[in-house]
Protein backbone atom coordinates (compact mmCIF):
# COMPACT_ATOMS: atom_id res chain seq x y z
CA MET A 1 0.02 -0.07 -0.03
CA PRO A 2 1.67 3.27 -1.03
CA ALA A 3 1.69 6.09 1.61
CA ARG A 4 -0.82 8.89 1.16
CA GLN A 5 0.46 12.27 1.70
CA SER A 6 -0.38 13.84 4.95
CA LEU A 7 -1.78 17.14 3.61
CA ALA A 8 -3.93 17.85 6.60
CA ASP A 9 -1.01 17.36 9.06
CA ILE A 10 1.29 19.34 7.04
CA GLN A 11 -1.22 22.28 6.89
CA PHE A 12 -1.71 22.13 10.70
CA LEU A 13 2.12 22.14 11.15
CA LEU A 14 2.66 25.12 8.64
CA ASN A 15 -0.35 27.27 9.64
CA ASP A 16 -1.03 26.68 13.24
CA VAL A 17 2.13 25.47 14.80
CA LEU A 18 4.79 27.24 12.80
CA GLN A 19 2.72 30.06 11.52
CA ALA A 20 4.99 29.88 8.55
CA PRO A 21 2.82 32.01 6.09
CA ALA A 22 3.14 35.13 8.26
CA ARG A 23 6.73 34.47 8.84
CA TRP A 24 7.67 34.13 5.06
CA GLN A 25 5.36 37.03 4.06
CA ALA A 26 7.39 39.36 6.19
CA LEU A 27 10.19 38.67 3.76
CA ALA A 28 10.06 40.75 0.77
CA PRO A 29 10.47 38.01 -1.89
CA PHE A 30 7.65 36.10 -0.52
CA ALA A 31 5.14 38.95 0.37
CA ASP A 32 2.52 37.66 -2.12
CA ALA A 33 2.80 34.01 -1.13
CA ASP A 34 -0.14 33.76 1.32
CA ALA A 35 -1.49 30.61 2.90
CA SER A 36 -4.16 30.06 0.26
CA LEU A 37 -1.47 30.06 -2.46
CA ALA A 38 0.70 27.54 -0.48
CA ALA A 39 -2.41 25.34 0.20
CA GLN A 40 -2.95 25.22 -3.56
CA VAL A 41 0.54 24.15 -4.20
CA LEU A 42 0.68 21.53 -1.56
CA ASP A 43 -2.64 20.15 -2.70
CA GLU A 44 -1.34 19.75 -6.24
CA ALA A 45 2.06 18.48 -4.98
CA ALA A 46 0.19 15.69 -2.96
CA ARG A 47 -1.91 14.83 -5.94
CA PHE A 48 1.33 14.39 -8.14
CA VAL A 49 3.12 12.28 -5.73
CA ASP A 50 0.21 10.02 -5.04
CA THR A 51 -0.58 9.29 -8.60
CA ALA A 52 2.62 9.73 -10.58
CA VAL A 53 5.42 8.57 -8.26
CA ALA A 54 4.11 6.40 -5.50
CA PRO A 55 2.61 3.71 -7.85
CA LEU A 56 6.31 3.09 -9.03
CA GLN A 57 7.75 2.12 -5.72
CA ARG A 58 7.28 -1.60 -6.13
CA THR A 59 8.26 -1.65 -9.72
CA GLY A 60 11.40 0.46 -8.86
CA ASP A 61 12.51 -2.14 -6.17
CA GLU A 62 11.62 -5.31 -7.89
CA VAL A 63 12.71 -4.59 -11.39
CA GLY A 64 15.52 -2.00 -10.49
CA CYS A 65 18.00 -0.39 -12.91
CA ARG A 66 19.64 -2.32 -15.64
CA PHE A 67 23.19 -1.78 -16.75
CA ASP A 68 23.94 -2.53 -20.43
CA ALA A 69 27.32 -1.62 -22.05
CA GLY A 70 27.85 1.74 -20.22
CA GLN A 71 24.17 2.67 -20.31
CA VAL A 72 21.64 2.57 -17.45
CA HIS A 73 18.11 1.80 -18.02
CA THR A 74 15.79 2.85 -15.16
CA PRO A 75 12.70 0.88 -14.20
CA PRO A 76 9.32 1.06 -16.40
CA GLY A 77 7.73 4.40 -15.74
CA PHE A 78 10.45 6.14 -14.15
CA ARG A 79 11.41 8.56 -17.16
CA ASP A 80 7.83 9.30 -17.83
CA ALA A 81 7.26 10.34 -14.19
CA TYR A 82 10.45 12.34 -14.14
CA GLN A 83 9.66 14.19 -17.33
CA ALA A 84 6.21 14.93 -15.77
CA LEU A 85 8.06 16.32 -12.65
CA TRP A 86 10.17 18.84 -14.25
CA GLN A 87 7.74 19.83 -16.88
CA ALA A 88 5.15 20.67 -14.17
CA GLY A 89 7.77 22.85 -12.66
CA TRP A 90 8.23 21.11 -9.36
CA PRO A 91 12.06 21.11 -9.22
CA ALA A 92 12.02 24.83 -9.72
CA LEU A 93 9.64 25.60 -6.77
CA ALA A 94 11.93 27.55 -4.68
CA CYS A 95 14.48 28.66 -7.28
CA ALA A 96 14.73 32.33 -8.31
CA PRO A 97 12.46 33.59 -11.01
CA GLU A 98 15.32 35.00 -13.04
CA ASP A 99 16.62 31.31 -13.25
CA GLY A 100 13.45 29.78 -14.39
CA GLY A 101 12.03 29.11 -10.91
CA GLN A 102 8.92 30.05 -9.22
CA GLY A 103 10.42 31.76 -6.27
CA LEU A 104 8.27 30.31 -3.59
CA PRO A 105 9.50 29.77 0.01
CA ALA A 106 11.89 26.93 0.52
CA VAL A 107 9.69 25.14 3.08
CA LEU A 108 7.17 24.11 0.36
CA GLU A 109 10.07 22.45 -1.55
CA CYS A 110 10.82 20.53 1.75
CA VAL A 111 7.31 19.35 1.98
CA LEU A 112 7.34 18.10 -1.51
CA TYR A 113 10.61 16.17 -1.09
CA GLU A 114 9.58 14.67 2.27
CA TRP A 115 6.48 13.30 0.44
CA LEU A 116 8.49 12.16 -2.76
CA ALA A 117 10.93 10.34 -0.45
CA GLY A 118 8.25 8.61 1.55
CA ALA A 119 6.31 7.69 -1.61
CA ASN A 120 9.40 6.30 -3.60
CA HIS A 121 12.79 6.86 -2.09
CA GLY A 122 14.53 5.24 -5.09
CA TRP A 123 12.99 7.40 -7.71
CA THR A 124 13.54 10.51 -5.61
CA MET A 125 17.21 9.96 -5.44
CA ALA A 126 17.38 11.32 -9.04
CA PRO A 127 16.14 14.87 -8.46
CA GLY A 128 17.35 14.89 -4.81
CA LEU A 129 20.61 16.74 -5.68
CA LEU A 130 19.12 19.38 -7.95
CA HIS A 131 18.69 22.03 -5.28
CA GLY A 132 22.24 21.60 -4.05
CA ALA A 133 23.62 21.65 -7.56
CA TYR A 134 21.68 24.81 -8.36
CA GLU A 135 22.87 26.72 -5.20
CA CYS A 136 26.47 25.58 -5.96
CA ILE A 137 26.44 26.88 -9.49
CA ARG A 138 24.60 30.03 -8.55
CA HIS A 139 26.91 30.98 -5.91
CA HIS A 140 30.31 29.86 -7.36
CA ALA A 141 30.13 29.38 -11.34
CA SER A 142 31.18 31.87 -13.92
CA ASP A 143 28.63 33.94 -15.68
CA GLU A 144 29.43 31.88 -18.89
CA LEU A 145 28.62 28.60 -16.96
CA LYS A 146 25.56 30.06 -15.37
CA ALA A 147 24.17 31.13 -18.62
CA GLN A 148 24.53 27.64 -20.12
CA TYR A 149 23.56 25.33 -17.18
CA MET A 150 21.74 27.16 -14.42
CA GLU A 151 18.28 27.28 -15.75
CA LYS A 152 18.52 23.66 -16.98
CA ILE A 153 19.39 22.61 -13.43
CA ALA A 154 16.90 24.90 -11.76
CA THR A 155 14.02 23.64 -13.81
CA GLY A 156 15.23 19.97 -13.52
CA GLU A 157 15.38 19.55 -17.37
CA TRP A 158 18.97 18.30 -16.73
CA LEU A 159 19.87 16.27 -13.72
CA ALA A 160 23.06 16.66 -11.69
CA THR A 161 25.57 14.37 -9.72
CA MET A 162 28.20 15.07 -6.89
CA CYS A 163 31.40 13.23 -7.70
CA LEU A 164 33.51 13.16 -4.66
CA THR A 165 34.41 9.68 -3.47
CA GLU A 166 37.22 7.35 -4.98
CA ALA A 167 38.18 3.74 -4.15
CA HIS A 168 40.90 4.92 -1.89
CA ALA A 169 39.27 8.08 -0.65
CA GLY A 170 36.05 7.88 1.02
CA SER A 171 35.60 9.92 4.07
CA ASP A 172 39.19 11.44 3.55
CA LEU A 173 38.78 13.58 0.52
CA GLY A 174 42.31 14.79 0.80
CA LEU A 175 43.41 11.62 -0.83
CA VAL A 176 41.53 12.21 -4.19
CA ARG A 177 43.60 11.58 -7.11
CA THR A 178 41.45 12.63 -9.97
CA GLN A 179 43.27 15.30 -12.04
CA ALA A 180 42.53 18.43 -14.07
CA VAL A 181 44.92 19.63 -16.75
CA GLU A 182 44.33 22.90 -18.62
CA SER A 183 43.23 22.17 -22.09
CA GLY A 184 42.28 25.52 -23.80
CA ASP A 185 39.97 28.46 -24.02
CA THR A 186 36.32 27.75 -25.12
CA THR A 187 33.12 30.01 -25.14
CA LEU A 188 32.56 28.79 -21.50
CA GLY A 189 36.04 30.04 -20.46
CA ARG A 190 39.18 28.03 -19.85
CA SER A 191 38.57 24.24 -20.07
CA TYR A 192 40.15 21.42 -18.27
CA ALA A 193 40.76 17.66 -19.05
CA ILE A 194 39.60 15.60 -16.20
CA SER A 195 40.84 12.15 -15.68
CA GLY A 196 40.02 9.72 -12.72
CA SER A 197 37.51 7.59 -11.38
CA LYS A 198 34.61 8.10 -8.85
CA ILE A 199 32.60 5.45 -7.04
CA PHE A 200 29.19 5.55 -5.17
CA ILE A 201 27.87 8.14 -7.53
CA SER A 202 24.06 8.33 -7.20
CA GLY A 203 22.48 8.85 -10.65
CA GLY A 204 25.78 8.93 -12.39
CA GLU A 205 24.11 7.56 -15.55
CA HIS A 206 20.54 7.11 -16.43
CA ASP A 207 17.85 7.65 -19.08
CA LEU A 208 15.73 10.08 -17.09
CA THR A 209 17.10 13.30 -18.82
CA ASP A 210 19.04 14.19 -21.99
CA ASN A 211 21.94 15.37 -20.25
CA ILE A 212 23.65 15.02 -16.67
CA VAL A 213 25.77 17.56 -15.17
CA HIS A 214 28.57 16.15 -13.05
CA LEU A 215 30.14 18.36 -10.38
CA VAL A 216 33.63 16.71 -9.89
CA LEU A 217 36.37 17.30 -7.29
CA ALA A 218 39.91 16.98 -8.92
CA ARG A 219 43.38 18.13 -8.24
CA LEU A 220 44.62 20.85 -10.55
CA GLN A 221 47.72 20.09 -12.43
CA GLU A 222 49.60 23.13 -13.62
CA PRO A 223 53.17 23.28 -15.43
CA GLY A 224 55.75 23.79 -12.69
CA LYS A 225 53.17 24.06 -10.00
CA GLU A 226 51.94 21.48 -7.55
CA ALA A 227 48.45 21.68 -6.09
CA PRO A 228 48.65 21.75 -2.24
CA SER A 229 48.41 18.37 -0.80
CA GLY A 230 45.18 17.25 1.11
CA PRO A 231 41.94 18.89 0.79
CA LYS A 232 43.34 22.31 0.34
CA GLY A 233 44.51 21.21 -3.10
CA LEU A 234 41.07 20.30 -4.50
CA SER A 235 39.30 22.17 -7.03
CA LEU A 236 35.73 21.62 -8.46
CA PHE A 237 34.91 21.27 -11.99
CA LEU A 238 31.50 21.07 -14.01
CA VAL A 239 31.77 18.14 -16.39
CA PRO A 240 28.61 17.47 -18.62
CA LYS A 241 27.74 14.18 -20.12
CA ILE A 242 26.87 15.94 -23.27
CA LEU A 243 28.82 18.74 -24.60
CA GLN A 244 27.57 22.12 -26.27
CA ASP A 245 27.88 20.71 -29.75
CA GLY A 246 25.89 17.82 -28.91
CA SER A 247 28.80 15.22 -28.67
CA HIS A 248 29.38 12.86 -25.80
CA ASN A 249 31.82 13.83 -23.33
CA ALA A 250 34.53 11.39 -22.30
CA VAL A 251 32.56 10.38 -19.18
CA VAL A 252 31.97 6.51 -18.87
CA CYS A 253 29.82 4.60 -16.46
CA GLU A 254 31.78 1.44 -15.72
CA ARG A 255 29.07 -0.45 -13.69
CA ILE A 256 26.41 -0.04 -11.20
CA GLU A 257 26.52 -1.42 -7.75
CA GLU A 258 24.39 -4.22 -6.41
CA LYS A 259 22.47 -3.13 -3.32
CA MET A 260 20.19 -4.34 -0.65
CA GLY A 261 17.63 -1.71 -1.46
CA LEU A 262 16.92 1.46 -3.55
CA HIS A 263 17.22 -0.62 -6.63
CA GLY A 264 15.46 2.09 -8.55
CA SER A 265 18.41 4.50 -8.13
CA PRO A 266 21.68 3.58 -9.82
CA THR A 267 24.82 3.89 -7.71
CA CYS A 268 27.57 4.22 -10.45
CA VAL A 269 31.14 3.88 -10.90
CA MET A 270 32.14 6.77 -13.16
CA ARG A 271 35.42 7.09 -15.22
CA PHE A 272 36.56 10.31 -16.67
CA ASP A 273 39.10 9.99 -19.60
CA ASP A 274 40.37 13.50 -20.34
CA ALA A 275 36.77 14.61 -20.09
CA THR A 276 36.15 18.31 -20.80
CA GLY A 277 35.17 20.43 -17.73
CA TRP A 278 35.09 23.97 -16.44
CA LEU A 279 36.35 25.33 -13.11
CA VAL A 280 33.59 26.22 -10.57
CA GLY A 281 34.87 28.70 -8.04
CA GLU A 282 38.52 29.35 -7.37
CA PRO A 283 41.47 27.03 -8.04
CA ASN A 284 42.20 24.89 -4.88
CA LYS A 285 39.00 25.92 -3.19
CA GLY A 286 36.73 23.34 -4.57
CA LEU A 287 35.56 22.14 -1.20
CA ASN A 288 34.34 25.55 -0.32
CA ALA A 289 32.03 25.45 -3.44
CA MET A 290 31.10 21.78 -3.03
CA PHE A 291 30.16 22.27 0.61
CA VAL A 292 27.25 24.31 -0.57
CA MET A 293 25.87 21.25 -2.43
CA MET A 294 26.86 18.80 0.43
CA ASN A 295 25.11 20.83 3.10
CA ALA A 296 21.86 21.15 0.87
CA ALA A 297 22.18 17.38 0.50
CA ARG A 298 22.31 16.77 4.26
CA LEU A 299 19.20 18.89 4.64
CA HIS A 300 17.34 16.49 2.27
CA VAL A 301 18.82 13.42 4.00
CA GLY A 302 16.78 14.67 7.07
CA LEU A 303 13.60 15.09 5.00
CA GLN A 304 14.07 11.55 3.55
CA GLY A 305 14.11 10.13 7.08
CA ILE A 306 10.94 12.02 7.87
CA GLY A 307 9.25 11.06 4.87
CA LEU A 308 10.11 7.36 5.29
CA LEU A 309 8.97 7.44 8.95
CA GLU A 310 5.57 8.83 7.84
CA ALA A 311 5.22 6.00 5.26
CA ALA A 312 6.15 3.46 7.99
CA TRP A 313 3.90 4.88 10.42
CA GLN A 314 0.89 4.71 7.96
CA LYS A 315 1.72 1.23 7.20
CA ALA A 316 2.10 0.16 10.70
CA SER A 317 -1.14 2.03 11.65
CA ALA A 318 -3.17 0.32 8.89
CA TYR A 319 -1.70 -3.06 9.86
CA ALA A 320 -2.61 -2.53 13.50
CA ALA A 321 -6.25 -1.50 12.51
CA GLU A 322 -6.61 -4.65 10.66
CA ARG A 323 -5.38 -6.87 13.46
């Protein structure tokens, strides 16, 4: 039995407990977002989650993702549901209007992702990094990169990944060996050739969107100049799966992991073979930029826990009522 979204409970928490509409309306960007508008948004969000996403949970777990010669095929219905998500504007709920977003309070986005995680955690892993990638690009990328990628990420037309971990560098990112070598000037600024392997990359390859934007930690290699050792020598690069001219970048998915759960979300081993990328933020300050994305992801991990707790409670309550 898929969990039903707890619309009445959320309305009570937002309006009566937190008095959220009055609080956000005191902020200039949200002055016009009253309780009635929020109620309409959440009502539509609950309907979308219940009808488009929740019914795919069992298929996602039982069928799972399939790896075939570098390509990842998601379970039946996953791509259609994701295309419906971004075309309806849900990923852009709290993004700035100038970036293609709707400019609504972030708490409404939090409710949406809590519901999505409780309804279908595996599917929700795909858009789960969008908000963090958006904030990272918005605060640290060059104007040229923003013009090319920010709206695509804000709206969810393209999905994004966070490429940190390597086989020898898990919690200690200072051991990262992936390298970046300057390769020339382009319309997006100076480009770099990125080489190395990353593991445990959620959504590193899939068929949900036409492009995937990888944010990759690497060590900058400059002639006659060594990058500082440890985490202080890491830089952040934007490495797209598909380049501006429509050609495939030198980014390869080597395999997906066998897991106990979340079979609807591909956990990938990614290889970068002199892949074209562009610097995000300042050289050797990649962790500063990446922490924007990492901290946003941590917030959503908390929302996942709450969503799954609500789903478990609903199932336990229904079972107890039957017994």
